[in-house]
Amino acid sequence: MPTRQDAYALMTSHVKNENLQKHMLSVEAAMRAYARKYGEDEELWRITGLLHDCDYEEYPSLEEHTHVAAQWLETEGYDKRIIYAILAHNDLNLATHPRNDLLSKGLYACDEITGMITATALVRPTRSIQGLEVSSVRKKMKAKGFAAGVNRNDLVNGAAELGVDLDEHIAFVIQAMSEVADTLGLDGLSTQSLSQ
């Protein structure tokens, strides 16, 4: 199977938008942490997070998104479980790819919550994720105009599908993202190289 380095190269060859790259790196960090928690394959889970939106910049329509990525990943020899989970995180595919395994549920749960956490961290005076409270994220979730692109239903449903309390989920993902805060530009300092 291709390595994490291969996955990163594939992602950056199709995604030039730095914010979208950081989003995928955030989901990678959260997925890796959940793999550790559940005793799953960390490499498999982190690559799933890293590649889940790799076609989105070039193919943003929901009818194409994930289907194009699935074709790329199949051609490159990626594990079928990664491809399945990526297809399953797009709600339009649920009839053929229901989220019926832990990997798919984990990806769905981690996707939108990383966006809400990032947006909340970036409006803090420090622009840092360090010390970010769950209550701050929950408060921003209730603000309709804030991070309007983040689907609130997905935040709630993702945690429910994974079988975790939403507050615990938010705290867990904040911690996972904090471990790579410099790479994500959420350390309150200048951004570092994304590839680390």
C-alpha atoms as a PDB file:
ATOM      1  CA  MET A   1       0.000   0.000   0.000  1.00  0.00           C
ATOM      2  CA  PRO A   2       1.215   3.551  -0.606  1.00  0.00           C
ATOM      3  CA  THR A   3       2.795   5.260   2.399  1.00  0.00           C
ATOM      4  CA  ARG A   4       1.775   8.402   4.233  1.00  0.00           C
ATOM      5  CA  GLN A   5       4.435  10.279   2.227  1.00  0.00           C
ATOM      6  CA  ASP A   6       2.845   9.001  -0.988  1.00  0.00           C
ATOM      7  CA  ALA A   7      -0.560  10.120   0.283  1.00  0.00           C
ATOM      8  CA  TYR A   8       0.747  13.580   1.157  1.00  0.00           C
ATOM      9  CA  ALA A   9       2.298  13.921  -2.321  1.00  0.00           C
ATOM     10  CA  LEU A  10      -0.987  12.860  -3.938  1.00  0.00           C
ATOM     11  CA  MET A  11      -2.981  15.298  -1.814  1.00  0.00           C
ATOM     12  CA  THR A  12      -0.719  18.279  -2.528  1.00  0.00           C
ATOM     13  CA  SER A  13      -0.596  17.489  -6.248  1.00  0.00           C
ATOM     14  CA  HIS A  14      -4.365  18.043  -6.396  1.00  0.00           C
ATOM     15  CA  VAL A  15      -4.879  20.569  -3.595  1.00  0.00           C
ATOM     16  CA  LYS A  16      -3.130  23.928  -3.820  1.00  0.00           C
ATOM     17  CA  ASN A  17      -5.375  25.798  -1.372  1.00  0.00           C
ATOM     18  CA  GLU A  18      -3.429  25.981   1.881  1.00  0.00           C
ATOM     19  CA  ASN A  19      -6.568  26.118   4.051  1.00  0.00           C
ATOM     20  CA  LEU A  20      -7.922  22.952   2.460  1.00  0.00           C
ATOM     21  CA  GLN A  21      -4.548  21.266   2.972  1.00  0.00           C
ATOM     22  CA  LYS A  22      -4.644  22.285   6.640  1.00  0.00           C
ATOM     23  CA  HIS A  23      -8.180  20.934   6.940  1.00  0.00           C
ATOM     24  CA  MET A  24      -7.052  17.544   5.678  1.00  0.00           C
ATOM     25  CA  LEU A  25      -4.041  17.600   8.004  1.00  0.00           C
ATOM     26  CA  SER A  26      -6.425  18.384  10.888  1.00  0.00           C
ATOM     27  CA  VAL A  27      -8.642  15.434  10.025  1.00  0.00           C
ATOM     28  CA  GLU A  28      -5.525  13.271   9.683  1.00  0.00           C
ATOM     29  CA  ALA A  29      -4.447  14.207  13.229  1.00  0.00           C
ATOM     30  CA  ALA A  30      -7.898  13.490  14.660  1.00  0.00           C
ATOM     31  CA  MET A  31      -8.180  10.169  12.831  1.00  0.00           C
ATOM     32  CA  ARG A  32      -4.742   9.068  13.964  1.00  0.00           C
ATOM     33  CA  ALA A  33      -5.667   9.853  17.577  1.00  0.00           C
ATOM     34  CA  TYR A  34      -8.923   7.906  17.315  1.00  0.00           C
ATOM     35  CA  ALA A  35      -7.098   4.951  15.755  1.00  0.00           C
ATOM     36  CA  ARG A  36      -4.810   4.940  18.781  1.00  0.00           C
ATOM     37  CA  LYS A  37      -7.783   5.155  21.147  1.00  0.00           C
ATOM     38  CA  TYR A  38      -9.604   2.271  19.471  1.00  0.00           C
ATOM     39  CA  GLY A  39      -6.538   0.105  18.861  1.00  0.00           C
ATOM     40  CA  GLU A  40      -6.907   0.420  15.074  1.00  0.00           C
ATOM     41  CA  ASP A  41      -4.293   0.795  12.315  1.00  0.00           C
ATOM     42  CA  GLU A  42      -2.931   4.341  12.752  1.00  0.00           C
ATOM     43  CA  GLU A  43      -1.425   4.516   9.268  1.00  0.00           C
ATOM     44  CA  LEU A  44      -4.674   3.430   7.617  1.00  0.00           C
ATOM     45  CA  TRP A  45      -6.754   5.876   9.642  1.00  0.00           C
ATOM     46  CA  ARG A  46      -4.421   8.838   9.193  1.00  0.00           C
ATOM     47  CA  ILE A  47      -4.164   8.307   5.419  1.00  0.00           C
ATOM     48  CA  THR A  48      -7.973   8.175   5.255  1.00  0.00           C
ATOM     49  CA  GLY A  49      -8.132  11.554   7.003  1.00  0.00           C
ATOM     50  CA  LEU A  50      -5.349  13.022   4.900  1.00  0.00           C
ATOM     51  CA  LEU A  51      -6.947  12.056   1.578  1.00  0.00           C
ATOM     52  CA  HIS A  52     -10.670  12.398   2.321  1.00  0.00           C
ATOM     53  CA  ASP A  53     -11.074  15.681   0.393  1.00  0.00           C
ATOM     54  CA  CYS A  54      -8.195  15.305  -2.078  1.00  0.00           C
ATOM     55  CA  ASP A  55     -10.506  15.801  -5.077  1.00  0.00           C
ATOM     56  CA  TYR A  56     -12.596  18.628  -3.582  1.00  0.00           C
ATOM     57  CA  GLU A  57     -10.635  21.569  -4.993  1.00  0.00           C
ATOM     58  CA  GLU A  58     -10.849  20.253  -8.560  1.00  0.00           C
ATOM     59  CA  TYR A  59     -14.246  18.503  -8.242  1.00  0.00           C
ATOM     60  CA  PRO A  60     -16.313  20.373  -5.630  1.00  0.00           C
ATOM     61  CA  SER A  61     -19.753  19.230  -6.810  1.00  0.00           C
ATOM     62  CA  LEU A  62     -21.156  16.662  -4.391  1.00  0.00           C
ATOM     63  CA  GLU A  63     -22.044  14.424  -7.332  1.00  0.00           C
ATOM     64  CA  GLU A  64     -18.351  14.155  -8.277  1.00  0.00           C
ATOM     65  CA  HIS A  65     -16.618  14.704  -4.927  1.00  0.00           C
ATOM     66  CA  THR A  66     -15.244  11.443  -3.477  1.00  0.00           C
ATOM     67  CA  HIS A  67     -15.989   9.519  -6.679  1.00  0.00           C
ATOM     68  CA  VAL A  68     -13.014  11.074  -8.458  1.00  0.00           C
ATOM     69  CA  ALA A  69     -10.832  10.514  -5.377  1.00  0.00           C
ATOM     70  CA  ALA A  70     -11.962   6.881  -5.248  1.00  0.00           C
ATOM     71  CA  GLN A  71     -10.815   6.390  -8.861  1.00  0.00           C
ATOM     72  CA  TRP A  72      -7.433   7.980  -8.134  1.00  0.00           C
ATOM     73  CA  LEU A  73      -6.894   5.888  -5.008  1.00  0.00           C
ATOM     74  CA  GLU A  74      -7.933   2.656  -6.677  1.00  0.00           C
ATOM     75  CA  THR A  75      -5.474   3.320  -9.511  1.00  0.00           C
ATOM     76  CA  GLU A  76      -2.718   4.025  -6.966  1.00  0.00           C
ATOM     77  CA  GLY A  77      -3.379   0.820  -5.019  1.00  0.00           C
ATOM     78  CA  TYR A  78      -4.828   2.238  -1.800  1.00  0.00           C
ATOM     79  CA  ASP A  79      -6.597  -0.062   0.655  1.00  0.00           C
ATOM     80  CA  LYS A  80     -10.275  -0.602  -0.179  1.00  0.00           C
ATOM     81  CA  ARG A  81     -11.221   0.393   3.385  1.00  0.00           C
ATOM     82  CA  ILE A  82      -9.787   3.882   2.820  1.00  0.00           C
ATOM     83  CA  ILE A  83     -11.698   4.257  -0.432  1.00  0.00           C
ATOM     84  CA  TYR A  84     -14.931   3.030   1.164  1.00  0.00           C
ATOM     85  CA  ALA A  85     -14.664   5.441   4.110  1.00  0.00           C
ATOM     86  CA  ILE A  86     -13.949   8.388   1.802  1.00  0.00           C
ATOM     87  CA  LEU A  87     -16.997   7.550  -0.318  1.00  0.00           C
ATOM     88  CA  ALA A  88     -19.114   7.090   2.825  1.00  0.00           C
ATOM     89  CA  HIS A  89     -18.288  10.546   4.210  1.00  0.00           C
ATOM     90  CA  ASN A  90     -20.266  12.094   1.324  1.00  0.00           C
ATOM     91  CA  ASP A  91     -23.941  11.782   2.306  1.00  0.00           C
ATOM     92  CA  LEU A  92     -24.962  11.437  -1.352  1.00  0.00           C
ATOM     93  CA  ASN A  93     -23.249   8.023  -1.372  1.00  0.00           C
ATOM     94  CA  LEU A  94     -24.968   6.552   1.691  1.00  0.00           C
ATOM     95  CA  ALA A  95     -27.293   4.316  -0.345  1.00  0.00           C
ATOM     96  CA  THR A  96     -24.283   2.447  -1.748  1.00  0.00           C
ATOM     97  CA  HIS A  97     -21.718   3.213   0.975  1.00  0.00           C
ATOM     98  CA  PRO A  98     -23.432   3.354   4.372  1.00  0.00           C
ATOM     99  CA  ARG A  99     -21.233   4.264   7.311  1.00  0.00           C
ATOM    100  CA  ASN A 100     -21.288   0.794   8.831  1.00  0.00           C
ATOM    101  CA  ASP A 101     -17.741   0.459  10.138  1.00  0.00           C
ATOM    102  CA  LEU A 102     -15.628   2.341  12.668  1.00  0.00           C
ATOM    103  CA  LEU A 103     -13.328   3.891  10.049  1.00  0.00           C
ATOM    104  CA  SER A 104     -16.230   5.429   8.112  1.00  0.00           C
ATOM    105  CA  LYS A 105     -17.898   6.670  11.288  1.00  0.00           C
ATOM    106  CA  GLY A 106     -14.615   8.125  12.523  1.00  0.00           C
ATOM    107  CA  LEU A 107     -14.001  10.045   9.304  1.00  0.00           C
ATOM    108  CA  TYR A 108     -17.521  11.471   9.276  1.00  0.00           C
ATOM    109  CA  ALA A 109     -17.217  12.480  12.939  1.00  0.00           C
ATOM    110  CA  CYS A 110     -13.824  14.162  12.486  1.00  0.00           C
ATOM    111  CA  ASP A 111     -14.472  16.001   9.218  1.00  0.00           C
ATOM    112  CA  GLU A 112     -16.713  18.929  10.142  1.00  0.00           C
ATOM    113  CA  ILE A 113     -15.645  19.232  13.790  1.00  0.00           C
ATOM    114  CA  THR A 114     -12.071  20.082  12.775  1.00  0.00           C
ATOM    115  CA  GLY A 115     -13.426  22.999  10.738  1.00  0.00           C
ATOM    116  CA  MET A 116     -15.414  24.354  13.665  1.00  0.00           C
ATOM    117  CA  ILE A 117     -12.448  23.994  16.011  1.00  0.00           C
ATOM    118  CA  THR A 118     -10.122  25.726  13.541  1.00  0.00           C
ATOM    119  CA  ALA A 119     -12.537  28.617  12.999  1.00  0.00           C
ATOM    120  CA  THR A 120     -13.006  29.047  16.750  1.00  0.00           C
ATOM    121  CA  ALA A 121      -9.245  29.026  17.388  1.00  0.00           C
ATOM    122  CA  LEU A 122      -8.590  31.581  14.645  1.00  0.00           C
ATOM    123  CA  VAL A 123     -10.921  34.212  16.134  1.00  0.00           C
ATOM    124  CA  ARG A 124      -9.190  34.055  19.509  1.00  0.00           C
ATOM    125  CA  PRO A 125      -6.769  36.916  20.221  1.00  0.00           C
ATOM    126  CA  THR A 126      -3.902  34.386  20.301  1.00  0.00           C
ATOM    127  CA  ARG A 127      -5.053  32.634  17.073  1.00  0.00           C
ATOM    128  CA  SER A 128      -4.020  29.464  18.885  1.00  0.00           C
ATOM    129  CA  ILE A 129      -5.696  26.147  19.632  1.00  0.00           C
ATOM    130  CA  GLN A 130      -3.708  25.838  22.863  1.00  0.00           C
ATOM    131  CA  GLY A 131      -6.064  26.235  25.805  1.00  0.00           C
ATOM    132  CA  LEU A 132      -9.169  26.282  23.602  1.00  0.00           C
ATOM    133  CA  GLU A 133     -12.186  25.288  25.703  1.00  0.00           C
ATOM    134  CA  VAL A 134     -14.999  23.007  24.590  1.00  0.00           C
ATOM    135  CA  SER A 135     -17.469  25.637  25.799  1.00  0.00           C
ATOM    136  CA  SER A 136     -16.002  28.158  23.336  1.00  0.00           C
ATOM    137  CA  VAL A 137     -16.525  25.755  20.444  1.00  0.00           C
ATOM    138  CA  ARG A 138     -20.078  24.973  21.593  1.00  0.00           C
ATOM    139  CA  LYS A 139     -20.872  28.688  21.862  1.00  0.00           C
ATOM    140  CA  LYS A 140     -19.623  29.303  18.319  1.00  0.00           C
ATOM    141  CA  MET A 141     -21.676  26.344  17.066  1.00  0.00           C
ATOM    142  CA  LYS A 142     -24.808  28.245  18.148  1.00  0.00           C
ATOM    143  CA  ALA A 143     -23.793  31.428  16.285  1.00  0.00           C
ATOM    144  CA  LYS A 144     -25.569  31.077  12.940  1.00  0.00           C
ATOM    145  CA  GLY A 145     -23.300  33.351  10.901  1.00  0.00           C
ATOM    146  CA  PHE A 146     -20.081  31.916  12.306  1.00  0.00           C
ATOM    147  CA  ALA A 147     -18.228  29.371  10.135  1.00  0.00           C
ATOM    148  CA  ALA A 148     -21.330  29.145   7.960  1.00  0.00           C
ATOM    149  CA  GLY A 149     -19.772  26.420   5.812  1.00  0.00           C
ATOM    150  CA  VAL A 150     -19.674  24.011   8.757  1.00  0.00           C
ATOM    151  CA  ASN A 151     -22.789  21.829   8.833  1.00  0.00           C
ATOM    152  CA  ARG A 152     -24.050  21.838  12.439  1.00  0.00           C
ATOM    153  CA  ASN A 153     -26.098  18.673  11.907  1.00  0.00           C
ATOM    154  CA  ASP A 154     -22.956  16.830  10.809  1.00  0.00           C
ATOM    155  CA  LEU A 155     -21.223  17.911  14.031  1.00  0.00           C
ATOM    156  CA  VAL A 156     -23.953  16.409  16.189  1.00  0.00           C
ATOM    157  CA  ASN A 157     -24.658  13.377  14.007  1.00  0.00           C
ATOM    158  CA  GLY A 158     -20.970  12.560  13.581  1.00  0.00           C
ATOM    159  CA  ALA A 159     -20.402  12.202  17.314  1.00  0.00           C
ATOM    160  CA  ALA A 160     -23.649  10.243  17.670  1.00  0.00           C
ATOM    161  CA  GLU A 161     -22.733   7.817  14.866  1.00  0.00           C
ATOM    162  CA  LEU A 162     -19.328   7.269  16.456  1.00  0.00           C
ATOM    163  CA  GLY A 163     -21.044   6.706  19.809  1.00  0.00           C
ATOM    164  CA  VAL A 164     -19.219   9.452  21.708  1.00  0.00           C
ATOM    165  CA  ASP A 165     -20.479  12.399  23.724  1.00  0.00           C
ATOM    166  CA  LEU A 166     -20.197  15.587  21.646  1.00  0.00           C
ATOM    167  CA  ASP A 167     -18.295  17.522  24.321  1.00  0.00           C
ATOM    168  CA  GLU A 168     -15.859  14.642  24.798  1.00  0.00           C
ATOM    169  CA  HIS A 169     -15.456  14.412  21.018  1.00  0.00           C
ATOM    170  CA  ILE A 170     -14.672  18.128  20.741  1.00  0.00           C
ATOM    171  CA  ALA A 171     -12.141  17.900  23.592  1.00  0.00           C
ATOM    172  CA  PHE A 172     -10.528  14.818  22.022  1.00  0.00           C
ATOM    173  CA  VAL A 173     -10.171  16.460  18.606  1.00  0.00           C
ATOM    174  CA  ILE A 174      -8.838  19.704  20.131  1.00  0.00           C
ATOM    175  CA  GLN A 175      -6.146  17.642  21.856  1.00  0.00           C
ATOM    176  CA  ALA A 176      -5.290  15.751  18.653  1.00  0.00           C
ATOM    177  CA  MET A 177      -5.046  18.965  16.632  1.00  0.00           C
ATOM    178  CA  SER A 178      -2.995  20.639  19.385  1.00  0.00           C
ATOM    179  CA  GLU A 179      -0.257  18.066  18.790  1.00  0.00           C
ATOM    180  CA  VAL A 180       0.252  19.459  15.266  1.00  0.00           C
ATOM    181  CA  ALA A 181      -0.762  23.064  15.979  1.00  0.00           C
ATOM    182  CA  ASP A 182       2.394  24.478  14.386  1.00  0.00           C
ATOM    183  CA  THR A 183       1.726  22.633  11.123  1.00  0.00           C
ATOM    184  CA  LEU A 184      -1.896  23.802  11.162  1.00  0.00           C
ATOM    185  CA  GLY A 185      -0.971  27.433  11.851  1.00  0.00           C
ATOM    186  CA  LEU A 186      -2.876  27.274  15.145  1.00  0.00           C
ATOM    187  CA  ASP A 187       0.042  27.835  17.490  1.00  0.00           C
ATOM    188  CA  GLY A 188      -0.310  31.606  17.520  1.00  0.00           C
ATOM    189  CA  LEU A 189       2.984  31.896  15.633  1.00  0.00           C
ATOM    190  CA  SER A 190       3.862  31.937  11.962  1.00  0.00           C
ATOM    191  CA  THR A 191       2.918  28.826  10.015  1.00  0.00           C
ATOM    192  CA  GLN A 192       5.472  26.102   9.497  1.00  0.00           C
ATOM    193  CA  SER A 193       5.908  23.675   6.648  1.00  0.00           C
ATOM    194  CA  LEU A 194       2.736  21.645   6.082  1.00  0.00           C
ATOM    195  CA  SER A 195       4.624  18.471   5.267  1.00  0.00           C
ATOM    196  CA  GLN A 196       5.879  17.800   8.777  1.00  0.00           C
END
